[in-house]
Amino acid sequence: MIRLTPQDVADASAGQLPSFVKTGGIIRYWVPDRTAFFELDYLAGREHFREAVRYSLDAGSPFFLAHVLMGMFGDLGDVERGFLDTLLLAAKVGAIPPRLTDEELISAGLPESEWDRARTLEAEVASALALRAWFMPDQLLLLLYGMLSGVDGEHIGAAITMIARTAVNGTRN
């Protein structure tokens, strides 16, 4: 479950969230428009990534990109492919962030019984990030698509957050 931050709620009411975010009683982080044309949808996904990073940095919302990625869970198409390919390019050069703290896991609403699984996936992603440029660069791609397609189950937040924060760091280079 994704918890909204006070900043997210304030931005939603002010209409400042990116175009692919929909509101209407609740915030849905990933509801992009689609054209059914690969090239247009792929390019839209790339632009949505840039829009998400701009919002993350401008609003000081470090977990926004992770919320967007979690919104893609189980629904990967051409728009998502453009978004994820662009994210992975940035993640390949970004500084690896520290692991999530217990307090961050609590604030995300993850029950303590799921922490071991979350930390295992987070460690896998950290390992893939460490090897990203030198050895098996596609390992990160396979991990990300596997997590978002549902292969690794629903409790992927810590791992997704690791990739998202690394990608944001990569856009700063």
C-alpha atoms as a PDB file:
ATOM      1  CA  MET A   1       0.000   0.000   0.000  1.00  0.00           C
ATOM      2  CA  ILE A   2       1.316   3.426  -0.931  1.00  0.00           C
ATOM      3  CA  ARG A   3       0.793   6.169   1.608  1.00  0.00           C
ATOM      4  CA  LEU A   4       0.408   9.714   0.376  1.00  0.00           C
ATOM      5  CA  THR A   5       2.716  12.322   1.780  1.00  0.00           C
ATOM      6  CA  PRO A   6       1.319  15.710   2.867  1.00  0.00           C
ATOM      7  CA  GLN A   7       3.221  17.176  -0.104  1.00  0.00           C
ATOM      8  CA  ASP A   8       1.431  14.812  -2.521  1.00  0.00           C
ATOM      9  CA  VAL A   9      -1.974  15.786  -1.152  1.00  0.00           C
ATOM     10  CA  ALA A  10      -1.140  19.493  -1.329  1.00  0.00           C
ATOM     11  CA  ASP A  11       0.173  19.171  -4.882  1.00  0.00           C
ATOM     12  CA  ALA A  12      -2.847  17.157  -5.999  1.00  0.00           C
ATOM     13  CA  SER A  13      -5.241  19.823  -4.765  1.00  0.00           C
ATOM     14  CA  ALA A  14      -3.135  22.508  -6.442  1.00  0.00           C
ATOM     15  CA  GLY A  15      -3.067  20.575  -9.740  1.00  0.00           C
ATOM     16  CA  GLN A  16       0.744  20.425  -9.802  1.00  0.00           C
ATOM     17  CA  LEU A  17       1.221  16.693 -10.246  1.00  0.00           C
ATOM     18  CA  PRO A  18       2.529  15.361 -13.580  1.00  0.00           C
ATOM     19  CA  SER A  19       0.058  14.745 -16.407  1.00  0.00           C
ATOM     20  CA  PHE A  20       0.018  10.955 -15.982  1.00  0.00           C
ATOM     21  CA  VAL A  21      -1.111  11.205 -12.346  1.00  0.00           C
ATOM     22  CA  LYS A  22      -4.874  11.193 -11.914  1.00  0.00           C
ATOM     23  CA  THR A  23      -6.847  12.410  -8.957  1.00  0.00           C
ATOM     24  CA  GLY A  24     -10.472  12.040  -8.067  1.00  0.00           C
ATOM     25  CA  GLY A  25     -10.818  11.223  -4.422  1.00  0.00           C
ATOM     26  CA  ILE A  26      -7.528   9.301  -4.453  1.00  0.00           C
ATOM     27  CA  ILE A  27      -4.234   9.822  -6.203  1.00  0.00           C
ATOM     28  CA  ARG A  28      -3.407   7.230  -8.851  1.00  0.00           C
ATOM     29  CA  TYR A  29       0.266   7.610  -9.654  1.00  0.00           C
ATOM     30  CA  TRP A  30       0.294   5.946 -13.054  1.00  0.00           C
ATOM     31  CA  VAL A  31      -2.576   6.455 -15.481  1.00  0.00           C
ATOM     32  CA  PRO A  32      -0.957   7.579 -18.749  1.00  0.00           C
ATOM     33  CA  ASP A  33      -2.789   8.260 -21.974  1.00  0.00           C
ATOM     34  CA  ARG A  34      -2.123   5.696 -24.696  1.00  0.00           C
ATOM     35  CA  THR A  35      -2.327   5.931 -28.487  1.00  0.00           C
ATOM     36  CA  ALA A  36      -1.782   2.264 -29.488  1.00  0.00           C
ATOM     37  CA  PHE A  37       1.141   3.408 -31.691  1.00  0.00           C
ATOM     38  CA  PHE A  38       4.409   2.025 -30.343  1.00  0.00           C
ATOM     39  CA  GLU A  39       6.600   4.998 -31.289  1.00  0.00           C
ATOM     40  CA  LEU A  40       4.247   7.612 -29.823  1.00  0.00           C
ATOM     41  CA  ASP A  41       3.598   5.651 -26.646  1.00  0.00           C
ATOM     42  CA  TYR A  42       7.292   4.864 -26.174  1.00  0.00           C
ATOM     43  CA  LEU A  43       8.251   8.546 -26.566  1.00  0.00           C
ATOM     44  CA  ALA A  44       5.444   9.550 -24.196  1.00  0.00           C
ATOM     45  CA  GLY A  45       6.856   7.133 -21.616  1.00  0.00           C
ATOM     46  CA  ARG A  46      10.302   8.713 -21.962  1.00  0.00           C
ATOM     47  CA  GLU A  47       8.818  12.177 -21.430  1.00  0.00           C
ATOM     48  CA  HIS A  48       6.789  10.951 -18.454  1.00  0.00           C
ATOM     49  CA  PHE A  49      10.018   9.788 -16.810  1.00  0.00           C
ATOM     50  CA  ARG A  50      11.565  13.238 -17.243  1.00  0.00           C
ATOM     51  CA  GLU A  51       8.353  14.815 -15.912  1.00  0.00           C
ATOM     52  CA  ALA A  52       8.408  12.513 -12.861  1.00  0.00           C
ATOM     53  CA  VAL A  53      12.021  13.375 -12.082  1.00  0.00           C
ATOM     54  CA  ARG A  54      11.359  17.118 -12.447  1.00  0.00           C
ATOM     55  CA  TYR A  55       8.451  16.820 -10.046  1.00  0.00           C
ATOM     56  CA  SER A  56      10.481  14.712  -7.585  1.00  0.00           C
ATOM     57  CA  LEU A  57      13.269  17.274  -7.485  1.00  0.00           C
ATOM     58  CA  ASP A  58      11.118  20.434  -7.592  1.00  0.00           C
ATOM     59  CA  ALA A  59       8.654  19.247  -4.946  1.00  0.00           C
ATOM     60  CA  GLY A  60      11.319  17.672  -2.753  1.00  0.00           C
ATOM     61  CA  SER A  61       9.437  14.379  -2.922  1.00  0.00           C
ATOM     62  CA  PRO A  62      12.185  11.719  -2.996  1.00  0.00           C
ATOM     63  CA  PHE A  63       9.790   8.760  -3.072  1.00  0.00           C
ATOM     64  CA  PHE A  64       7.484  10.065  -5.808  1.00  0.00           C
ATOM     65  CA  LEU A  65       9.226   8.118  -8.578  1.00  0.00           C
ATOM     66  CA  ALA A  66       8.941   4.910  -6.550  1.00  0.00           C
ATOM     67  CA  HIS A  67       5.186   5.552  -6.158  1.00  0.00           C
ATOM     68  CA  VAL A  68       4.912   5.942  -9.943  1.00  0.00           C
ATOM     69  CA  LEU A  69       6.766   2.674 -10.530  1.00  0.00           C
ATOM     70  CA  MET A  70       4.551   0.850  -8.043  1.00  0.00           C
ATOM     71  CA  GLY A  71       1.559   2.231  -9.961  1.00  0.00           C
ATOM     72  CA  MET A  72       2.788   0.299 -13.015  1.00  0.00           C
ATOM     73  CA  PHE A  73       2.666  -3.024 -11.158  1.00  0.00           C
ATOM     74  CA  GLY A  74       1.157  -5.714 -13.367  1.00  0.00           C
ATOM     75  CA  ASP A  75       0.504  -3.437 -16.364  1.00  0.00           C
ATOM     76  CA  LEU A  76       3.506  -3.081 -18.673  1.00  0.00           C
ATOM     77  CA  GLY A  77       3.064  -1.804 -22.216  1.00  0.00           C
ATOM     78  CA  ASP A  78       4.737   0.550 -24.671  1.00  0.00           C
ATOM     79  CA  VAL A  79       4.408   3.679 -22.499  1.00  0.00           C
ATOM     80  CA  GLU A  80       5.928   1.822 -19.561  1.00  0.00           C
ATOM     81  CA  ARG A  81       8.726   0.506 -21.772  1.00  0.00           C
ATOM     82  CA  GLY A  82       9.725   4.053 -22.734  1.00  0.00           C
ATOM     83  CA  PHE A  83       9.554   5.156 -19.105  1.00  0.00           C
ATOM     84  CA  LEU A  84      11.534   2.185 -17.790  1.00  0.00           C
ATOM     85  CA  ASP A  85      14.189   2.282 -20.517  1.00  0.00           C
ATOM     86  CA  THR A  86      14.844   5.951 -19.726  1.00  0.00           C
ATOM     87  CA  LEU A  87      14.849   5.245 -15.987  1.00  0.00           C
ATOM     88  CA  LEU A  88      17.392   2.451 -16.434  1.00  0.00           C
ATOM     89  CA  LEU A  89      19.702   4.709 -18.462  1.00  0.00           C
ATOM     90  CA  ALA A  90      19.693   7.176 -15.574  1.00  0.00           C
ATOM     91  CA  ALA A  91      20.064   4.411 -12.966  1.00  0.00           C
ATOM     92  CA  LYS A  92      23.193   3.145 -14.722  1.00  0.00           C
ATOM     93  CA  VAL A  93      25.041   6.352 -13.795  1.00  0.00           C
ATOM     94  CA  GLY A  94      23.343   7.350 -10.539  1.00  0.00           C
ATOM     95  CA  ALA A  95      24.855   7.087  -7.087  1.00  0.00           C
ATOM     96  CA  ILE A  96      23.421   4.133  -5.190  1.00  0.00           C
ATOM     97  CA  PRO A  97      21.352   5.433  -2.261  1.00  0.00           C
ATOM     98  CA  PRO A  98      21.446   4.029   1.257  1.00  0.00           C
ATOM     99  CA  ARG A  99      19.089   1.176   2.096  1.00  0.00           C
ATOM    100  CA  LEU A 100      15.684   2.024   3.540  1.00  0.00           C
ATOM    101  CA  THR A 101      15.579   2.452   7.285  1.00  0.00           C
ATOM    102  CA  ASP A 102      13.143   0.709   9.617  1.00  0.00           C
ATOM    103  CA  GLU A 103      11.342   4.040  10.006  1.00  0.00           C
ATOM    104  CA  GLU A 104      10.904   4.354   6.225  1.00  0.00           C
ATOM    105  CA  LEU A 105       9.529   0.809   5.998  1.00  0.00           C
ATOM    106  CA  ILE A 106       7.078   1.606   8.804  1.00  0.00           C
ATOM    107  CA  SER A 107       5.998   4.855   7.142  1.00  0.00           C
ATOM    108  CA  ALA A 108       5.396   2.929   3.909  1.00  0.00           C
ATOM    109  CA  GLY A 109       2.953   0.715   5.785  1.00  0.00           C
ATOM    110  CA  LEU A 110       4.924  -2.495   5.319  1.00  0.00           C
ATOM    111  CA  PRO A 111       4.217  -4.979   8.113  1.00  0.00           C
ATOM    112  CA  GLU A 112       7.295  -6.128  10.010  1.00  0.00           C
ATOM    113  CA  SER A 113       6.605  -9.703   8.881  1.00  0.00           C
ATOM    114  CA  GLU A 114       7.445  -8.600   5.290  1.00  0.00           C
ATOM    115  CA  TRP A 115      10.672  -6.744   6.081  1.00  0.00           C
ATOM    116  CA  ASP A 116      12.944  -9.728   5.393  1.00  0.00           C
ATOM    117  CA  ARG A 117      11.484 -10.193   1.912  1.00  0.00           C
ATOM    118  CA  ALA A 118      11.696  -6.457   1.217  1.00  0.00           C
ATOM    119  CA  ARG A 119      15.305  -6.311   2.364  1.00  0.00           C
ATOM    120  CA  THR A 120      16.227  -9.384   0.268  1.00  0.00           C
ATOM    121  CA  LEU A 121      14.844  -7.790  -2.895  1.00  0.00           C
ATOM    122  CA  GLU A 122      16.479  -4.489  -2.004  1.00  0.00           C
ATOM    123  CA  ALA A 123      19.836  -6.291  -1.624  1.00  0.00           C
ATOM    124  CA  GLU A 124      19.375  -7.975  -5.039  1.00  0.00           C
ATOM    125  CA  VAL A 125      18.775  -4.593  -6.646  1.00  0.00           C
ATOM    126  CA  ALA A 126      21.758  -3.052  -4.847  1.00  0.00           C
ATOM    127  CA  SER A 127      23.929  -5.903  -6.191  1.00  0.00           C
ATOM    128  CA  ALA A 128      22.595  -5.415  -9.724  1.00  0.00           C
ATOM    129  CA  LEU A 129      23.257  -1.684  -9.451  1.00  0.00           C
ATOM    130  CA  ALA A 130      26.805  -2.334  -8.290  1.00  0.00           C
ATOM    131  CA  LEU A 131      27.406  -4.495 -11.385  1.00  0.00           C
ATOM    132  CA  ARG A 132      25.361  -2.377 -13.779  1.00  0.00           C
ATOM    133  CA  ALA A 133      28.113  -0.990 -15.997  1.00  0.00           C
ATOM    134  CA  TRP A 134      30.732  -3.705 -15.859  1.00  0.00           C
ATOM    135  CA  PHE A 135      29.076  -7.071 -15.718  1.00  0.00           C
ATOM    136  CA  MET A 136      25.664  -8.209 -16.897  1.00  0.00           C
ATOM    137  CA  PRO A 137      24.162  -4.742 -17.514  1.00  0.00           C
ATOM    138  CA  ASP A 138      20.823  -6.356 -18.396  1.00  0.00           C
ATOM    139  CA  GLN A 139      20.481  -7.866 -14.917  1.00  0.00           C
ATOM    140  CA  LEU A 140      18.932  -4.638 -13.654  1.00  0.00           C
ATOM    141  CA  LEU A 141      16.502  -4.586 -16.581  1.00  0.00           C
ATOM    142  CA  LEU A 142      15.427  -8.170 -15.893  1.00  0.00           C
ATOM    143  CA  LEU A 143      15.002  -7.498 -12.167  1.00  0.00           C
ATOM    144  CA  LEU A 144      12.904  -4.378 -12.761  1.00  0.00           C
ATOM    145  CA  TYR A 145      10.618  -5.936 -15.353  1.00  0.00           C
ATOM    146  CA  GLY A 146      10.292  -9.077 -13.222  1.00  0.00           C
ATOM    147  CA  MET A 147       9.275  -7.083 -10.169  1.00  0.00           C
ATOM    148  CA  LEU A 148       6.778  -4.891 -12.017  1.00  0.00           C
ATOM    149  CA  SER A 149       5.221  -7.817 -13.868  1.00  0.00           C
ATOM    150  CA  GLY A 150       4.464  -9.544 -10.571  1.00  0.00           C
ATOM    151  CA  VAL A 151       7.056 -12.331 -10.708  1.00  0.00           C
ATOM    152  CA  ASP A 152       8.438 -11.347  -7.299  1.00  0.00           C
ATOM    153  CA  GLY A 153       5.083 -10.787  -5.630  1.00  0.00           C
ATOM    154  CA  GLU A 154       3.618  -7.580  -4.282  1.00  0.00           C
ATOM    155  CA  HIS A 155       6.167  -6.584  -1.634  1.00  0.00           C
ATOM    156  CA  ILE A 156       8.689  -4.977  -3.931  1.00  0.00           C
ATOM    157  CA  GLY A 157       8.610  -1.450  -2.564  1.00  0.00           C
ATOM    158  CA  ALA A 158      12.105  -1.372  -1.053  1.00  0.00           C
ATOM    159  CA  ALA A 159      13.698  -2.703  -4.236  1.00  0.00           C
ATOM    160  CA  ILE A 160      11.697  -0.356  -6.462  1.00  0.00           C
ATOM    161  CA  THR A 161      12.620   2.548  -4.203  1.00  0.00           C
ATOM    162  CA  MET A 162      16.334   1.666  -4.532  1.00  0.00           C
ATOM    163  CA  ILE A 163      16.114   1.764  -8.343  1.00  0.00           C
ATOM    164  CA  ALA A 164      14.012   4.944  -8.372  1.00  0.00           C
ATOM    165  CA  ARG A 165      16.326   6.868  -6.042  1.00  0.00           C
ATOM    166  CA  THR A 166      19.368   5.731  -8.046  1.00  0.00           C
ATOM    167  CA  ALA A 167      17.715   6.927 -11.278  1.00  0.00           C
ATOM    168  CA  VAL A 168      16.944  10.335  -9.767  1.00  0.00           C
ATOM    169  CA  ASN A 169      20.588  10.547  -8.687  1.00  0.00           C
ATOM    170  CA  GLY A 170      21.606   9.640 -12.240  1.00  0.00           C
ATOM    171  CA  THR A 171      19.709  12.588 -13.676  1.00  0.00           C
ATOM    172  CA  ARG A 172      21.846  14.898 -11.558  1.00  0.00           C
ATOM    173  CA  ASN A 173      25.083  13.851 -13.323  1.00  0.00           C
END
